[in-house]
């Protein structure tokens, strides 16, 4: 019985490994992840650039440090 269980477990394991994504599917996933990362990086750079421009364009009032 133990031998049968070991054989069935081995067959199931091999079957699960064999059903993984193909090389073409992996390439598509990698390309999609790279495009998403590039998009996010570009958005952060644009946001940082506009924040720096906004900060340089505005002036801040001095803080009120008098005690009341």
C-alpha atoms as a PDB file:
ATOM      1  CA  UNK A   1       0.000   0.000   0.000  1.00  0.00           C
ATOM      2  CA  UNK A   2       2.847   2.402   0.833  1.00  0.00           C
ATOM      3  CA  UNK A   3       4.474   1.745  -2.536  1.00  0.00           C
ATOM      4  CA  UNK A   4       1.216   2.515  -4.312  1.00  0.00           C
ATOM      5  CA  UNK A   5       0.822   5.761  -2.358  1.00  0.00           C
ATOM      6  CA  UNK A   6       4.409   6.752  -3.181  1.00  0.00           C
ATOM      7  CA  UNK A   7       3.872   6.052  -6.878  1.00  0.00           C
ATOM      8  CA  UNK A   8       0.596   8.001  -6.989  1.00  0.00           C
ATOM      9  CA  UNK A   9       2.189  10.922  -5.134  1.00  0.00           C
ATOM     10  CA  UNK A  10       5.104  10.931  -7.587  1.00  0.00           C
ATOM     11  CA  UNK A  11       2.787  10.886 -10.598  1.00  0.00           C
ATOM     12  CA  UNK A  12       0.701  13.739  -9.197  1.00  0.00           C
ATOM     13  CA  UNK A  13       3.838  15.794  -8.478  1.00  0.00           C
ATOM     14  CA  UNK A  14       5.222  15.238 -11.986  1.00  0.00           C
ATOM     15  CA  UNK A  15       1.823  16.120 -13.434  1.00  0.00           C
ATOM     16  CA  UNK A  16       1.676  19.381 -11.525  1.00  0.00           C
ATOM     17  CA  UNK A  17       5.186  20.391 -12.558  1.00  0.00           C
ATOM     18  CA  UNK A  18       4.503  19.523 -16.198  1.00  0.00           C
ATOM     19  CA  UNK A  19       1.388  21.730 -16.222  1.00  0.00           C
ATOM     20  CA  UNK A  20       3.329  24.933 -15.548  1.00  0.00           C
ATOM     21  CA  UNK A  21       3.319  27.878 -17.956  1.00  0.00           C
ATOM     22  CA  UNK A  22       5.121  27.470 -21.251  1.00  0.00           C
ATOM     23  CA  UNK A  23       8.142  29.537 -22.218  1.00  0.00           C
ATOM     24  CA  UNK A  24       5.989  31.770 -24.412  1.00  0.00           C
ATOM     25  CA  UNK A  25       3.558  32.388 -21.549  1.00  0.00           C
ATOM     26  CA  UNK A  26       6.435  33.201 -19.198  1.00  0.00           C
ATOM     27  CA  UNK A  27       7.844  35.678 -21.737  1.00  0.00           C
ATOM     28  CA  UNK A  28       4.439  37.372 -22.040  1.00  0.00           C
ATOM     29  CA  UNK A  29       4.146  37.650 -18.247  1.00  0.00           C
ATOM     30  CA  UNK A  30       7.666  39.079 -17.949  1.00  0.00           C
ATOM     31  CA  UNK A  31       6.950  41.632 -20.680  1.00  0.00           C
ATOM     32  CA  UNK A  32       3.695  42.663 -19.006  1.00  0.00           C
ATOM     33  CA  UNK A  33       5.415  43.055 -15.632  1.00  0.00           C
ATOM     34  CA  UNK A  34       8.227  45.093 -17.201  1.00  0.00           C
ATOM     35  CA  UNK A  35       5.729  47.370 -18.949  1.00  0.00           C
ATOM     36  CA  UNK A  36       3.818  47.889 -15.696  1.00  0.00           C
ATOM     37  CA  UNK A  37       7.019  48.656 -13.792  1.00  0.00           C
ATOM     38  CA  UNK A  38       8.160  51.120 -16.464  1.00  0.00           C
ATOM     39  CA  UNK A  39       4.762  52.812 -16.412  1.00  0.00           C
ATOM     40  CA  UNK A  40       4.811  53.122 -12.634  1.00  0.00           C
ATOM     41  CA  UNK A  41       8.370  54.478 -12.676  1.00  0.00           C
ATOM     42  CA  UNK A  42       7.457  57.074 -15.306  1.00  0.00           C
ATOM     43  CA  UNK A  43       4.412  58.153 -13.301  1.00  0.00           C
ATOM     44  CA  UNK A  44       6.526  58.585 -10.159  1.00  0.00           C
ATOM     45  CA  UNK A  45       9.137  60.588 -12.065  1.00  0.00           C
ATOM     46  CA  UNK A  46       6.468  62.884 -13.508  1.00  0.00           C
ATOM     47  CA  UNK A  47       4.896  63.320 -10.088  1.00  0.00           C
ATOM     48  CA  UNK A  48       8.244  64.135  -8.502  1.00  0.00           C
ATOM     49  CA  UNK A  49       9.062  66.559 -11.285  1.00  0.00           C
ATOM     50  CA  UNK A  50       5.754  68.391 -10.961  1.00  0.00           C
ATOM     51  CA  UNK A  51       6.084  68.470  -7.160  1.00  0.00           C
ATOM     52  CA  UNK A  52       9.546  70.008  -7.454  1.00  0.00           C
ATOM     53  CA  UNK A  53       8.237  72.586  -9.915  1.00  0.00           C
ATOM     54  CA  UNK A  54       5.284  73.419  -7.657  1.00  0.00           C
ATOM     55  CA  UNK A  55       7.529  73.758  -4.620  1.00  0.00           C
ATOM     56  CA  UNK A  56       9.916  76.062  -6.446  1.00  0.00           C
ATOM     57  CA  UNK A  57       7.043  78.220  -7.712  1.00  0.00           C
ATOM     58  CA  UNK A  58       5.380  78.773  -4.347  1.00  0.00           C
ATOM     59  CA  UNK A  59       6.702  80.632  -1.362  1.00  0.00           C
ATOM     60  CA  UNK A  60       5.901  79.755   2.206  1.00  0.00           C
ATOM     61  CA  UNK A  61       4.963  82.225   4.905  1.00  0.00           C
ATOM     62  CA  UNK A  62       7.194  82.326   7.971  1.00  0.00           C
ATOM     63  CA  UNK A  63       5.885  80.270  10.868  1.00  0.00           C
ATOM     64  CA  UNK A  64       4.235  82.115  13.727  1.00  0.00           C
ATOM     65  CA  UNK A  65       6.479  81.354  16.692  1.00  0.00           C
ATOM     66  CA  UNK A  66       5.026  83.889  19.149  1.00  0.00           C
ATOM     67  CA  UNK A  67       3.424  82.547  22.293  1.00  0.00           C
ATOM     68  CA  UNK A  68      -0.168  83.477  22.915  1.00  0.00           C
END
